[in-house]
């Protein structure tokens, strides 16, 4: 079973994403802060990380930079899903190596399509 790690601190969004992705055949793990997310990547070894930008302890951007510095996670696909839709936020994520970037609120069909496109090109 494919694994996705969702690093999201808003419970209702995390639960909605868990439901959407589980229905699509994913095994979904959820953590609610950046530091726990980094630790979970090493433990879970996900196929994909869905990462919020604004998180407690470490921001999503800090998590992304840390993932890209380590050879084992350098190429790990990361979909940033955030309420911050300004071009400077998107540019910072792209400069740090994000795979894809989506803004909230999200469309269920679009998030499923983006996840599939990342892992099934």
Protein backbone atom coordinates (compact mmCIF):
# COMPACT_ATOMS: atom_id res chain seq x y z
CA UNK A 1 0.00 0.00 0.00
CA UNK A 2 1.26 3.48 -0.86
CA UNK A 3 1.99 5.74 2.10
CA UNK A 4 1.39 9.45 2.47
CA UNK A 5 2.51 11.54 5.41
CA UNK A 6 0.29 14.53 6.01
CA UNK A 7 1.90 17.28 8.08
CA UNK A 8 -1.07 19.50 8.90
CA UNK A 9 -2.04 21.25 12.14
CA UNK A 10 -5.70 21.96 11.30
CA UNK A 11 -7.62 18.88 12.46
CA UNK A 12 -10.61 19.30 10.15
CA UNK A 13 -8.38 19.64 7.08
CA UNK A 14 -6.26 16.68 8.17
CA UNK A 15 -9.34 14.50 8.61
CA UNK A 16 -10.80 15.54 5.26
CA UNK A 17 -7.54 14.74 3.49
CA UNK A 18 -7.20 11.46 5.35
CA UNK A 19 -10.67 10.43 4.17
CA UNK A 20 -10.08 11.51 0.55
CA UNK A 21 -6.71 9.78 0.25
CA UNK A 22 -7.70 6.62 2.15
CA UNK A 23 -10.65 6.22 -0.19
CA UNK A 24 -8.15 6.41 -3.04
CA UNK A 25 -6.12 3.54 -1.57
CA UNK A 26 -3.48 5.41 0.42
CA UNK A 27 -2.27 4.57 3.90
CA UNK A 28 -2.37 8.00 5.56
CA UNK A 29 -0.30 9.11 8.55
CA UNK A 30 -0.96 12.49 10.14
CA UNK A 31 1.26 14.65 12.35
CA UNK A 32 0.49 18.18 13.43
CA UNK A 33 3.83 19.98 13.67
CA UNK A 34 7.00 20.36 11.68
CA UNK A 35 9.44 18.67 14.05
CA UNK A 36 7.19 15.64 14.43
CA UNK A 37 6.83 15.58 10.65
CA UNK A 38 10.58 15.34 10.13
CA UNK A 39 10.81 12.50 12.64
CA UNK A 40 7.86 10.73 11.02
CA UNK A 41 9.47 10.82 7.56
CA UNK A 42 12.39 8.75 8.83
CA UNK A 43 10.11 6.31 10.65
CA UNK A 44 7.29 5.90 8.10
CA UNK A 45 9.25 6.27 4.84
CA UNK A 46 6.31 7.72 2.92
CA UNK A 47 5.92 7.76 -0.85
CA UNK A 48 4.64 11.34 -0.61
CA UNK A 49 4.54 14.16 1.95
CA UNK A 50 1.70 16.66 1.95
CA UNK A 51 3.00 19.64 3.88
CA UNK A 52 1.33 22.73 5.29
CA UNK A 53 3.42 25.89 5.22
CA UNK A 54 2.34 27.34 8.57
CA UNK A 55 3.07 24.81 11.30
CA UNK A 56 4.09 24.82 14.96
CA UNK A 57 7.74 24.16 15.90
CA UNK A 58 9.16 24.18 12.34
CA UNK A 59 7.51 25.82 9.36
CA UNK A 60 6.71 23.80 6.29
CA UNK A 61 9.50 25.62 4.48
CA UNK A 62 11.99 24.61 7.19
CA UNK A 63 10.80 21.00 6.93
CA UNK A 64 11.18 21.07 3.16
CA UNK A 65 14.70 22.51 3.34
CA UNK A 66 15.68 19.84 5.88
CA UNK A 67 14.27 17.07 3.66
CA UNK A 68 16.17 18.32 0.64
CA UNK A 69 19.49 18.40 2.54
CA UNK A 70 19.44 14.66 3.31
CA UNK A 71 20.28 12.21 0.51
CA UNK A 72 17.62 9.71 1.65
CA UNK A 73 14.84 12.30 1.30
CA UNK A 74 16.30 14.63 -1.31
CA UNK A 75 13.97 13.34 -4.04
CA UNK A 76 10.96 12.57 -1.83
CA UNK A 77 7.88 14.11 -3.47
CA UNK A 78 6.42 16.97 -1.42
CA UNK A 79 3.10 18.63 -2.15
CA UNK A 80 2.78 21.88 -0.23
CA UNK A 81 -0.84 22.62 0.66
CA UNK A 82 -1.27 26.00 2.28
CA UNK A 83 -3.53 28.99 2.76
CA UNK A 84 -0.62 31.22 1.68
CA UNK A 85 -1.12 31.77 -2.01
CA UNK A 86 1.08 34.79 -2.59
CA UNK A 87 3.69 34.51 -5.31
CA UNK A 88 6.57 35.04 -2.86
CA UNK A 89 5.41 32.03 -0.80
CA UNK A 90 5.15 29.87 -3.92
CA UNK A 91 8.56 31.09 -5.13
CA UNK A 92 10.19 30.31 -1.76
CA UNK A 93 8.75 26.78 -1.81
CA UNK A 94 9.90 26.23 -5.39
CA UNK A 95 13.38 27.49 -4.56
CA UNK A 96 13.50 25.02 -1.65
CA UNK A 97 12.57 22.13 -3.96
CA UNK A 98 8.84 21.55 -3.56
CA UNK A 99 7.34 19.10 -6.06
CA UNK A 100 3.95 20.83 -6.31
CA UNK A 101 2.13 23.69 -4.57
CA UNK A 102 -1.61 24.04 -3.91
CA UNK A 103 -3.59 26.59 -1.99
CA UNK A 104 -6.45 26.08 0.43
CA UNK A 105 -9.33 25.75 0.12
CA UNK A 106 -8.79 22.78 -2.16
CA UNK A 107 -11.04 20.80 -4.44
CA UNK A 108 -11.20 17.08 -3.59
CA UNK A 109 -10.87 15.97 -7.20
CA UNK A 110 -7.95 18.33 -7.77
CA UNK A 111 -5.98 17.08 -4.79
CA UNK A 112 -6.50 13.47 -5.88
CA UNK A 113 -5.41 14.39 -9.41
CA UNK A 114 -2.30 16.21 -8.17
CA UNK A 115 -1.28 13.31 -5.93
CA UNK A 116 -1.73 10.86 -8.80
CA UNK A 117 0.24 13.12 -11.18
CA UNK A 118 3.14 13.32 -8.75
CA UNK A 119 3.44 9.57 -8.28
CA UNK A 120 2.05 8.19 -11.52
CA UNK A 121 3.44 10.50 -14.23
